[in-house]
Amino acid sequence: MSTTNKILKTGIISLFICLFPVNILAQSIHITGNVSDNTGEAIIGANISIKGTSIGTITDINGKFMLEVPDDAVLVITYVGYMPKELKVGAASDYHIVLTEDV
């Protein structure tokens, strides 16, 4: 085996060993859901973010959203005129979130 092949093989193995644990720790899940008010009306443009990060999205015209989150994430849902809500992500992948008006 030539020196170049040995270096290449060693480099590939080292890269695999370094990246493998990161992949295990960085587990994430794909969640979807919708946000509505207490009458069932979709809330357009509600903010859904992962607590403690700048990662987030907003709901579409039907109140729906999708987001890739760590498996232990806490979602923070906010919208002007409504009480903020926090939701711990569990085993479910689809969430229906109801916001209460802030009086």
PDB file of N, CA and C in Angstrom:
ATOM      1  N   MET A   1       0.851  -1.169   0.000  1.00  0.00           N
ATOM      2  CA  MET A   1       0.000   0.000   0.000  1.00  0.00           C
ATOM      3  C   MET A   1       0.899   1.235   0.000  1.00  0.00           C
ATOM      4  N   SER A   2       0.602   2.178  -0.867  1.00  0.00           N
ATOM      5  CA  SER A   2       1.431   3.375  -0.966  1.00  0.00           C
ATOM      6  C   SER A   2       1.180   4.302   0.224  1.00  0.00           C
ATOM      7  N   THR A   3       2.106   5.218   0.441  1.00  0.00           N
ATOM      8  CA  THR A   3       1.995   6.174   1.533  1.00  0.00           C
ATOM      9  C   THR A   3       0.754   7.051   1.370  1.00  0.00           C
ATOM     10  N   THR A   4       0.449   7.447   0.144  1.00  0.00           N
ATOM     11  CA  THR A   4      -0.725   8.279  -0.110  1.00  0.00           C
ATOM     12  C   THR A   4      -2.004   7.552   0.271  1.00  0.00           C
ATOM     13  N   ASN A   5      -2.101   6.280  -0.065  1.00  0.00           N
ATOM     14  CA  ASN A   5      -3.288   5.494   0.283  1.00  0.00           C
ATOM     15  C   ASN A   5      -3.424   5.325   1.792  1.00  0.00           C
ATOM     16  N   LYS A   6      -2.304   5.124   2.490  1.00  0.00           N
ATOM     17  CA  LYS A   6      -2.346   4.989   3.951  1.00  0.00           C
ATOM     18  C   LYS A   6      -2.841   6.283   4.596  1.00  0.00           C
ATOM     19  N   ILE A   7      -2.338   7.418   4.129  1.00  0.00           N
ATOM     20  CA  ILE A   7      -2.746   8.718   4.673  1.00  0.00           C
ATOM     21  C   ILE A   7      -4.226   8.958   4.400  1.00  0.00           C
ATOM     22  N   LEU A   8      -4.670   8.652   3.194  1.00  0.00           N
ATOM     23  CA  LEU A   8      -6.076   8.830   2.835  1.00  0.00           C
ATOM     24  C   LEU A   8      -6.976   7.939   3.687  1.00  0.00           C
ATOM     25  N   LYS A   9      -6.593   6.677   3.850  1.00  0.00           N
ATOM     26  CA  LYS A   9      -7.375   5.738   4.658  1.00  0.00           C
ATOM     27  C   LYS A   9      -7.428   6.199   6.117  1.00  0.00           C
ATOM     28  N   THR A  10      -6.308   6.635   6.663  1.00  0.00           N
ATOM     29  CA  THR A  10      -6.255   7.127   8.039  1.00  0.00           C
ATOM     30  C   THR A  10      -7.122   8.372   8.196  1.00  0.00           C
ATOM     31  N   GLY A  11      -7.073   9.261   7.208  1.00  0.00           N
ATOM     32  CA  GLY A  11      -7.872  10.483   7.255  1.00  0.00           C
ATOM     33  C   GLY A  11      -9.367  10.178   7.237  1.00  0.00           C
ATOM     34  N   ILE A  12      -9.785   9.261   6.403  1.00  0.00           N
ATOM     35  CA  ILE A  12     -11.204   8.900   6.308  1.00  0.00           C
ATOM     36  C   ILE A  12     -11.676   8.254   7.606  1.00  0.00           C
ATOM     37  N   ILE A  13     -10.886   7.363   8.160  1.00  0.00           N
ATOM     38  CA  ILE A  13     -11.258   6.712   9.430  1.00  0.00           C
ATOM     39  C   ILE A  13     -11.323   7.745  10.547  1.00  0.00           C
ATOM     40  N   SER A  14     -10.373   8.659  10.604  1.00  0.00           N
ATOM     41  CA  SER A  14     -10.367   9.697  11.642  1.00  0.00           C
ATOM     42  C   SER A  14     -11.591  10.600  11.511  1.00  0.00           C
ATOM     43  N   LEU A  15     -11.936  10.954  10.299  1.00  0.00           N
ATOM     44  CA  LEU A  15     -13.110  11.789  10.067  1.00  0.00           C
ATOM     45  C   LEU A  15     -14.375  11.070  10.516  1.00  0.00           C
ATOM     46  N   PHE A  16     -14.492   9.798  10.195  1.00  0.00           N
ATOM     47  CA  PHE A  16     -15.662   9.016  10.603  1.00  0.00           C
ATOM     48  C   PHE A  16     -15.760   8.944  12.123  1.00  0.00           C
ATOM     49  N   ILE A  17     -14.654   8.708  12.801  1.00  0.00           N
ATOM     50  CA  ILE A  17     -14.651   8.613  14.260  1.00  0.00           C
ATOM     51  C   ILE A  17     -15.038   9.950  14.893  1.00  0.00           C
ATOM     52  N   CYS A  18     -14.563  11.064  14.320  1.00  0.00           N
ATOM     53  CA  CYS A  18     -14.876  12.380  14.871  1.00  0.00           C
ATOM     54  C   CYS A  18     -16.337  12.769  14.655  1.00  0.00           C
ATOM     55  N   LEU A  19     -16.909  12.429  13.519  1.00  0.00           N
ATOM     56  CA  LEU A  19     -18.267  12.843  13.195  1.00  0.00           C
ATOM     57  C   LEU A  19     -19.340  11.927  13.762  1.00  0.00           C
ATOM     58  N   PHE A  20     -19.029  10.677  14.026  1.00  0.00           N
ATOM     59  CA  PHE A  20     -20.031   9.723  14.500  1.00  0.00           C
ATOM     60  C   PHE A  20     -20.670  10.129  15.821  1.00  0.00           C
ATOM     61  N   PRO A  21     -19.918  10.518  16.861  1.00  0.00           N
ATOM     62  CA  PRO A  21     -20.569  10.920  18.119  1.00  0.00           C
ATOM     63  C   PRO A  21     -21.442  12.167  17.970  1.00  0.00           C
ATOM     64  N   VAL A  22     -21.068  13.107  17.119  1.00  0.00           N
ATOM     65  CA  VAL A  22     -21.861  14.312  16.911  1.00  0.00           C
ATOM     66  C   VAL A  22     -23.229  13.935  16.344  1.00  0.00           C
ATOM     67  N   ASN A  23     -23.249  12.973  15.442  1.00  0.00           N
ATOM     68  CA  ASN A  23     -24.501  12.532  14.847  1.00  0.00           C
ATOM     69  C   ASN A  23     -25.420  11.914  15.896  1.00  0.00           C
ATOM     70  N   ILE A  24     -24.870  11.197  16.840  1.00  0.00           N
ATOM     71  CA  ILE A  24     -25.671  10.587  17.896  1.00  0.00           C
ATOM     72  C   ILE A  24     -26.266  11.663  18.806  1.00  0.00           C
ATOM     73  N   LEU A  25     -25.493  12.683  19.157  1.00  0.00           N
ATOM     74  CA  LEU A  25     -25.950  13.715  20.069  1.00  0.00           C
ATOM     75  C   LEU A  25     -26.904  14.701  19.411  1.00  0.00           C
ATOM     76  N   ALA A  26     -26.844  14.846  18.113  1.00  0.00           N
ATOM     77  CA  ALA A  26     -27.630  15.866  17.435  1.00  0.00           C
ATOM     78  C   ALA A  26     -28.927  15.299  16.851  1.00  0.00           C
ATOM     79  N   GLN A  27     -29.613  14.447  17.590  1.00  0.00           N
ATOM     80  CA  GLN A  27     -30.864  13.868  17.128  1.00  0.00           C
ATOM     81  C   GLN A  27     -31.922  14.957  17.031  1.00  0.00           C
ATOM     82  N   SER A  28     -32.630  14.986  15.924  1.00  0.00           N
ATOM     83  CA  SER A  28     -33.713  15.952  15.784  1.00  0.00           C
ATOM     84  C   SER A  28     -34.912  15.261  15.153  1.00  0.00           C
ATOM     85  N   ILE A  29     -36.066  15.878  15.332  1.00  0.00           N
ATOM     86  CA  ILE A  29     -37.281  15.317  14.762  1.00  0.00           C
ATOM     87  C   ILE A  29     -38.005  16.383  13.959  1.00  0.00           C
ATOM     88  N   HIS A  30     -38.756  15.947  12.993  1.00  0.00           N
ATOM     89  CA  HIS A  30     -39.540  16.832  12.147  1.00  0.00           C
ATOM     90  C   HIS A  30     -40.952  16.890  12.726  1.00  0.00           C
ATOM     91  N   ILE A  31     -41.391  18.092  13.104  1.00  0.00           N
ATOM     92  CA  ILE A  31     -42.746  18.231  13.638  1.00  0.00           C
ATOM     93  C   ILE A  31     -43.571  19.134  12.731  1.00  0.00           C
ATOM     94  N   THR A  32     -44.863  18.905  12.776  1.00  0.00           N
ATOM     95  CA  THR A  32     -45.813  19.742  12.058  1.00  0.00           C
ATOM     96  C   THR A  32     -46.934  20.087  13.025  1.00  0.00           C
ATOM     97  N   GLY A  33     -47.752  21.029  12.639  1.00  0.00           N
ATOM     98  CA  GLY A  33     -48.873  21.356  13.500  1.00  0.00           C
ATOM     99  C   GLY A  33     -49.645  22.536  12.973  1.00  0.00           C
ATOM    100  N   ASN A  34     -50.622  22.951  13.767  1.00  0.00           N
ATOM    101  CA  ASN A  34     -51.382  24.145  13.432  1.00  0.00           C
ATOM    102  C   ASN A  34     -51.683  24.923  14.703  1.00  0.00           C
ATOM    103  N   VAL A  35     -51.879  26.223  14.519  1.00  0.00           N
ATOM    104  CA  VAL A  35     -52.155  27.120  15.639  1.00  0.00           C
ATOM    105  C   VAL A  35     -53.501  27.779  15.360  1.00  0.00           C
ATOM    106  N   SER A  36     -54.379  27.758  16.370  1.00  0.00           N
ATOM    107  CA  SER A  36     -55.688  28.381  16.219  1.00  0.00           C
ATOM    108  C   SER A  36     -56.064  29.090  17.511  1.00  0.00           C
ATOM    109  N   ASP A  37     -57.169  29.858  17.439  1.00  0.00           N
ATOM    110  CA  ASP A  37     -57.690  30.473  18.655  1.00  0.00           C
ATOM    111  C   ASP A  37     -58.714  29.522  19.274  1.00  0.00           C
ATOM    112  N   ASN A  38     -59.351  29.955  20.362  1.00  0.00           N
ATOM    113  CA  ASN A  38     -60.263  29.050  21.066  1.00  0.00           C
ATOM    114  C   ASN A  38     -61.566  28.785  20.312  1.00  0.00           C
ATOM    115  N   THR A  39     -61.812  29.493  19.204  1.00  0.00           N
ATOM    116  CA  THR A  39     -62.993  29.209  18.375  1.00  0.00           C
ATOM    117  C   THR A  39     -62.647  28.276  17.216  1.00  0.00           C
ATOM    118  N   GLY A  40     -61.356  27.912  17.099  1.00  0.00           N
ATOM    119  CA  GLY A  40     -60.918  27.035  16.017  1.00  0.00           C
ATOM    120  C   GLY A  40     -60.448  27.772  14.780  1.00  0.00           C
ATOM    121  N   GLU A  41     -60.469  29.101  14.827  1.00  0.00           N
ATOM    122  CA  GLU A  41     -60.019  29.920  13.702  1.00  0.00           C
ATOM    123  C   GLU A  41     -58.489  29.885  13.616  1.00  0.00           C
ATOM    124  N   ALA A  42     -57.957  29.609  12.420  1.00  0.00           N
ATOM    125  CA  ALA A  42     -56.504  29.547  12.224  1.00  0.00           C
ATOM    126  C   ALA A  42     -55.873  30.897  12.508  1.00  0.00           C
ATOM    127  N   ILE A  43     -54.700  30.865  13.141  1.00  0.00           N
ATOM    128  CA  ILE A  43     -53.943  32.098  13.396  1.00  0.00           C
ATOM    129  C   ILE A  43     -52.816  32.164  12.373  1.00  0.00           C
ATOM    130  N   ILE A  44     -52.917  33.149  11.492  1.00  0.00           N
ATOM    131  CA  ILE A  44     -51.942  33.333  10.419  1.00  0.00           C
ATOM    132  C   ILE A  44     -50.775  34.167  10.940  1.00  0.00           C
ATOM    133  N   GLY A  45     -49.548  33.695  10.750  1.00  0.00           N
ATOM    134  CA  GLY A  45     -48.365  34.455  11.139  1.00  0.00           C
ATOM    135  C   GLY A  45     -47.964  34.322  12.594  1.00  0.00           C
ATOM    136  N   ALA A  46     -48.485  33.306  13.299  1.00  0.00           N
ATOM    137  CA  ALA A  46     -48.035  33.070  14.670  1.00  0.00           C
ATOM    138  C   ALA A  46     -46.571  32.636  14.640  1.00  0.00           C
ATOM    139  N   ASN A  47     -45.813  33.059  15.624  1.00  0.00           N
ATOM    140  CA  ASN A  47     -44.395  32.742  15.704  1.00  0.00           C
ATOM    141  C   ASN A  47     -44.197  31.484  16.533  1.00  0.00           C
ATOM    142  N   ILE A  48     -43.507  30.482  15.974  1.00  0.00           N
ATOM    143  CA  ILE A  48     -43.154  29.263  16.704  1.00  0.00           C
ATOM    144  C   ILE A  48     -41.641  29.195  16.728  1.00  0.00           C
ATOM    145  N   SER A  49     -41.059  29.228  17.920  1.00  0.00           N
ATOM    146  CA  SER A  49     -39.601  29.176  18.027  1.00  0.00           C
ATOM    147  C   SER A  49     -39.195  28.146  19.078  1.00  0.00           C
ATOM    148  N   ILE A  50     -37.943  27.714  18.980  1.00  0.00           N
ATOM    149  CA  ILE A  50     -37.383  26.797  19.961  1.00  0.00           C
ATOM    150  C   ILE A  50     -36.799  27.637  21.075  1.00  0.00           C
ATOM    151  N   LYS A  51     -37.268  27.414  22.298  1.00  0.00           N
ATOM    152  CA  LYS A  51     -36.863  28.213  23.451  1.00  0.00           C
ATOM    153  C   LYS A  51     -35.341  28.221  23.587  1.00  0.00           C
ATOM    154  N   GLY A  52     -34.797  29.415  23.790  1.00  0.00           N
ATOM    155  CA  GLY A  52     -33.357  29.566  23.994  1.00  0.00           C
ATOM    156  C   GLY A  52     -32.539  29.600  22.713  1.00  0.00           C
ATOM    157  N   THR A  53     -33.205  29.595  21.564  1.00  0.00           N
ATOM    158  CA  THR A  53     -32.497  29.663  20.281  1.00  0.00           C
ATOM    159  C   THR A  53     -33.135  30.724  19.398  1.00  0.00           C
ATOM    160  N   SER A  54     -32.538  30.925  18.242  1.00  0.00           N
ATOM    161  CA  SER A  54     -33.138  31.821  17.253  1.00  0.00           C
ATOM    162  C   SER A  54     -33.803  31.022  16.133  1.00  0.00           C
ATOM    163  N   ILE A  55     -33.975  29.725  16.345  1.00  0.00           N
ATOM    164  CA  ILE A  55     -34.583  28.850  15.344  1.00  0.00           C
ATOM    165  C   ILE A  55     -36.099  28.916  15.470  1.00  0.00           C
ATOM    166  N   GLY A  56     -36.764  29.117  14.355  1.00  0.00           N
ATOM    167  CA  GLY A  56     -38.211  29.179  14.407  1.00  0.00           C
ATOM    168  C   GLY A  56     -38.839  29.318  13.049  1.00  0.00           C
ATOM    169  N   THR A  57     -40.148  29.472  13.057  1.00  0.00           N
ATOM    170  CA  THR A  57     -40.912  29.628  11.829  1.00  0.00           C
ATOM    171  C   THR A  57     -42.201  30.372  12.160  1.00  0.00           C
ATOM    172  N   ILE A  58     -43.007  30.641  11.144  1.00  0.00           N
ATOM    173  CA  ILE A  58     -44.325  31.232  11.367  1.00  0.00           C
ATOM    174  C   ILE A  58     -45.376  30.361  10.691  1.00  0.00           C
ATOM    175  N   THR A  59     -46.617  30.508  11.136  1.00  0.00           N
ATOM    176  CA  THR A  59     -47.697  29.729  10.542  1.00  0.00           C
ATOM    177  C   THR A  59     -48.099  30.320   9.192  1.00  0.00           C
ATOM    178  N   ASP A  60     -48.593  29.452   8.326  1.00  0.00           N
ATOM    179  CA  ASP A  60     -49.029  29.894   7.000  1.00  0.00           C
ATOM    180  C   ASP A  60     -50.479  30.383   7.032  1.00  0.00           C
ATOM    181  N   ILE A  61     -51.068  30.575   5.888  1.00  0.00           N
ATOM    182  CA  ILE A  61     -52.421  31.113   5.773  1.00  0.00           C
ATOM    183  C   ILE A  61     -53.481  30.202   6.403  1.00  0.00           C
ATOM    184  N   ASN A  62     -53.146  28.928   6.577  1.00  0.00           N
ATOM    185  CA  ASN A  62     -54.060  27.973   7.209  1.00  0.00           C
ATOM    186  C   ASN A  62     -53.706  27.708   8.671  1.00  0.00           C
ATOM    187  N   GLY A  63     -52.747  28.460   9.207  1.00  0.00           N
ATOM    188  CA  GLY A  63     -52.326  28.273  10.592  1.00  0.00           C
ATOM    189  C   GLY A  63     -51.376  27.110  10.774  1.00  0.00           C
ATOM    190  N   LYS A  64     -50.873  26.541   9.696  1.00  0.00           N
ATOM    191  CA  LYS A  64     -50.002  25.361   9.763  1.00  0.00           C
ATOM    192  C   LYS A  64     -48.526  25.762   9.797  1.00  0.00           C
ATOM    193  N   PHE A  65     -47.724  24.877  10.396  1.00  0.00           N
ATOM    194  CA  PHE A  65     -46.283  25.079  10.441  1.00  0.00           C
ATOM    195  C   PHE A  65     -45.573  23.738  10.393  1.00  0.00           C
ATOM    196  N   MET A  66     -44.277  23.777  10.063  1.00  0.00           N
ATOM    197  CA  MET A  66     -43.401  22.617  10.186  1.00  0.00           C
ATOM    198  C   MET A  66     -42.021  23.105  10.583  1.00  0.00           C
ATOM    199  N   LEU A  67     -41.345  22.266  11.368  1.00  0.00           N
ATOM    200  CA  LEU A  67     -40.070  22.682  11.950  1.00  0.00           C
ATOM    201  C   LEU A  67     -39.255  21.463  12.340  1.00  0.00           C
ATOM    202  N   GLU A  68     -37.959  21.550  12.158  1.00  0.00           N
ATOM    203  CA  GLU A  68     -37.021  20.514  12.597  1.00  0.00           C
ATOM    204  C   GLU A  68     -36.507  20.936  13.969  1.00  0.00           C
ATOM    205  N   VAL A  69     -36.705  20.083  14.994  1.00  0.00           N
ATOM    206  CA  VAL A  69     -36.362  20.459  16.365  1.00  0.00           C
ATOM    207  C   VAL A  69     -35.581  19.344  17.055  1.00  0.00           C
ATOM    208  N   PRO A  70     -34.759  19.692  18.053  1.00  0.00           N
ATOM    209  CA  PRO A  70     -34.144  18.652  18.876  1.00  0.00           C
ATOM    210  C   PRO A  70     -35.235  17.888  19.619  1.00  0.00           C
ATOM    211  N   ASP A  71     -34.985  16.623  19.939  1.00  0.00           N
ATOM    212  CA  ASP A  71     -36.024  15.801  20.559  1.00  0.00           C
ATOM    213  C   ASP A  71     -36.410  16.249  21.969  1.00  0.00           C
ATOM    214  N   ASP A  72     -35.653  17.152  22.568  1.00  0.00           N
ATOM    215  CA  ASP A  72     -35.988  17.647  23.916  1.00  0.00           C
ATOM    216  C   ASP A  72     -36.385  19.124  23.893  1.00  0.00           C
ATOM    217  N   ALA A  73     -36.824  19.612  22.739  1.00  0.00           N
ATOM    218  CA  ALA A  73     -37.101  21.043  22.558  1.00  0.00           C
ATOM    219  C   ALA A  73     -38.347  21.493  23.307  1.00  0.00           C
ATOM    220  N   VAL A  74     -38.355  22.779  23.644  1.00  0.00           N
ATOM    221  CA  VAL A  74     -39.545  23.446  24.163  1.00  0.00           C
ATOM    222  C   VAL A  74     -39.907  24.517  23.144  1.00  0.00           C
ATOM    223  N   LEU A  75     -41.132  24.430  22.623  1.00  0.00           N
ATOM    224  CA  LEU A  75     -41.596  25.422  21.662  1.00  0.00           C
ATOM    225  C   LEU A  75     -42.188  26.612  22.394  1.00  0.00           C
ATOM    226  N   VAL A  76     -41.969  27.804  21.866  1.00  0.00           N
ATOM    227  CA  VAL A  76     -42.591  29.015  22.378  1.00  0.00           C
ATOM    228  C   VAL A  76     -43.444  29.563  21.235  1.00  0.00           C
ATOM    229  N   ILE A  77     -44.749  29.672  21.490  1.00  0.00           N
ATOM    230  CA  ILE A  77     -45.685  30.124  20.473  1.00  0.00           C
ATOM    231  C   ILE A  77     -46.215  31.492  20.889  1.00  0.00           C
ATOM    232  N   THR A  78     -46.055  32.496  20.016  1.00  0.00           N
ATOM    233  CA  THR A  78     -46.502  33.851  20.341  1.00  0.00           C
ATOM    234  C   THR A  78     -47.249  34.455  19.154  1.00  0.00           C
ATOM    235  N   TYR A  79     -48.162  35.362  19.503  1.00  0.00           N
ATOM    236  CA  TYR A  79     -48.893  36.138  18.498  1.00  0.00           C
ATOM    237  C   TYR A  79     -49.472  37.351  19.204  1.00  0.00           C
ATOM    238  N   VAL A  80     -49.423  38.496  18.542  1.00  0.00           N
ATOM    239  CA  VAL A  80     -49.907  39.744  19.128  1.00  0.00           C
ATOM    240  C   VAL A  80     -51.376  39.585  19.522  1.00  0.00           C
ATOM    241  N   GLY A  81     -51.689  39.972  20.768  1.00  0.00           N
ATOM    242  CA  GLY A  81     -53.060  39.911  21.256  1.00  0.00           C
ATOM    243  C   GLY A  81     -53.424  38.587  21.922  1.00  0.00           C
ATOM    244  N   TYR A  82     -52.453  37.657  21.964  1.00  0.00           N
ATOM    245  CA  TYR A  82     -52.692  36.351  22.577  1.00  0.00           C
ATOM    246  C   TYR A  82     -51.623  36.060  23.620  1.00  0.00           C
ATOM    247  N   MET A  83     -51.974  35.264  24.609  1.00  0.00           N
ATOM    248  CA  MET A  83     -51.029  34.859  25.651  1.00  0.00           C
ATOM    249  C   MET A  83     -49.977  33.932  25.033  1.00  0.00           C
ATOM    250  N   PRO A  84     -48.693  34.150  25.344  1.00  0.00           N
ATOM    251  CA  PRO A  84     -47.666  33.219  24.852  1.00  0.00           C
ATOM    252  C   PRO A  84     -47.886  31.834  25.455  1.00  0.00           C
ATOM    253  N   LYS A  85     -47.460  30.819  24.738  1.00  0.00           N
ATOM    254  CA  LYS A  85     -47.628  29.448  25.209  1.00  0.00           C
ATOM    255  C   LYS A  85     -46.325  28.689  25.002  1.00  0.00           C
ATOM    256  N   GLU A  86     -45.955  27.859  25.981  1.00  0.00           N
ATOM    257  CA  GLU A  86     -44.788  26.988  25.850  1.00  0.00           C
ATOM    258  C   GLU A  86     -45.274  25.554  25.787  1.00  0.00           C
ATOM    259  N   LEU A  87     -44.608  24.756  24.956  1.00  0.00           N
ATOM    260  CA  LEU A  87     -45.012  23.374  24.742  1.00  0.00           C
ATOM    261  C   LEU A  87     -43.772  22.498  24.621  1.00  0.00           C
ATOM    262  N   LYS A  88     -43.638  21.512  25.496  1.00  0.00           N
ATOM    263  CA  LYS A  88     -42.520  20.566  25.428  1.00  0.00           C
ATOM    264  C   LYS A  88     -42.800  19.567  24.323  1.00  0.00           C
ATOM    265  N   VAL A  89     -41.827  19.396  23.429  1.00  0.00           N
ATOM    266  CA  VAL A  89     -41.971  18.430  22.349  1.00  0.00           C
ATOM    267  C   VAL A  89     -41.809  17.038  22.934  1.00  0.00           C
ATOM    268  N   GLY A  90     -42.744  16.178  22.633  1.00  0.00           N
ATOM    269  CA  GLY A  90     -42.708  14.806  23.124  1.00  0.00           C
ATOM    270  C   GLY A  90     -42.567  13.836  21.968  1.00  0.00           C
ATOM    271  N   ALA A  91     -43.218  12.695  22.100  1.00  0.00           N
ATOM    272  CA  ALA A  91     -43.125  11.646  21.085  1.00  0.00           C
ATOM    273  C   ALA A  91     -43.964  11.958  19.848  1.00  0.00           C
ATOM    274  N   ALA A  92     -44.956  12.833  19.997  1.00  0.00           N
ATOM    275  CA  ALA A  92     -45.828  13.156  18.865  1.00  0.00           C
ATOM    276  C   ALA A  92     -45.071  13.958  17.809  1.00  0.00           C
ATOM    277  N   SER A  93     -45.528  13.861  16.573  1.00  0.00           N
ATOM    278  CA  SER A  93     -44.907  14.650  15.506  1.00  0.00           C
ATOM    279  C   SER A  93     -45.876  15.687  14.941  1.00  0.00           C
ATOM    280  N   ASP A  94     -47.130  15.679  15.395  1.00  0.00           N
ATOM    281  CA  ASP A  94     -48.122  16.634  14.918  1.00  0.00           C
ATOM    282  C   ASP A  94     -48.816  17.270  16.126  1.00  0.00           C
ATOM    283  N   TYR A  95     -48.883  18.598  16.146  1.00  0.00           N
ATOM    284  CA  TYR A  95     -49.408  19.315  17.303  1.00  0.00           C
ATOM    285  C   TYR A  95     -50.525  20.267  16.892  1.00  0.00           C
ATOM    286  N   HIS A  96     -51.564  20.333  17.711  1.00  0.00           N
ATOM    287  CA  HIS A  96     -52.621  21.334  17.547  1.00  0.00           C
ATOM    288  C   HIS A  96     -52.525  22.257  18.750  1.00  0.00           C
ATOM    289  N   ILE A  97     -52.196  23.516  18.509  1.00  0.00           N
ATOM    290  CA  ILE A  97     -51.938  24.474  19.574  1.00  0.00           C
ATOM    291  C   ILE A  97     -53.032  25.524  19.568  1.00  0.00           C
ATOM    292  N   VAL A  98     -53.655  25.723  20.722  1.00  0.00           N
ATOM    293  CA  VAL A  98     -54.722  26.712  20.855  1.00  0.00           C
ATOM    294  C   VAL A  98     -54.207  27.861  21.716  1.00  0.00           C
ATOM    295  N   LEU A  99     -54.240  29.078  21.158  1.00  0.00           N
ATOM    296  CA  LEU A  99     -53.822  30.261  21.914  1.00  0.00           C
ATOM    297  C   LEU A  99     -55.046  30.943  22.510  1.00  0.00           C
ATOM    298  N   THR A 100     -54.853  31.517  23.704  1.00  0.00           N
ATOM    299  CA  THR A 100     -55.920  32.225  24.419  1.00  0.00           C
ATOM    300  C   THR A 100     -55.702  33.719  24.266  1.00  0.00           C
ATOM    301  N   GLU A 101     -56.800  34.448  24.026  1.00  0.00           N
ATOM    302  CA  GLU A 101     -56.689  35.898  23.885  1.00  0.00           C
ATOM    303  C   GLU A 101     -56.176  36.522  25.175  1.00  0.00           C
ATOM    304  N   ASP A 102     -55.356  37.557  25.025  1.00  0.00           N
ATOM    305  CA  ASP A 102     -54.820  38.305  26.150  1.00  0.00           C
ATOM    306  C   ASP A 102     -55.752  39.500  26.400  1.00  0.00           C
ATOM    307  N   VAL A 103     -56.514  39.445  27.498  1.00  0.00           N
ATOM    308  CA  VAL A 103     -57.504  40.500  27.721  1.00  0.00           C
ATOM    309  C   VAL A 103     -56.959  41.623  28.567  1.00  0.00           C
TER     310      VAL A 103
END
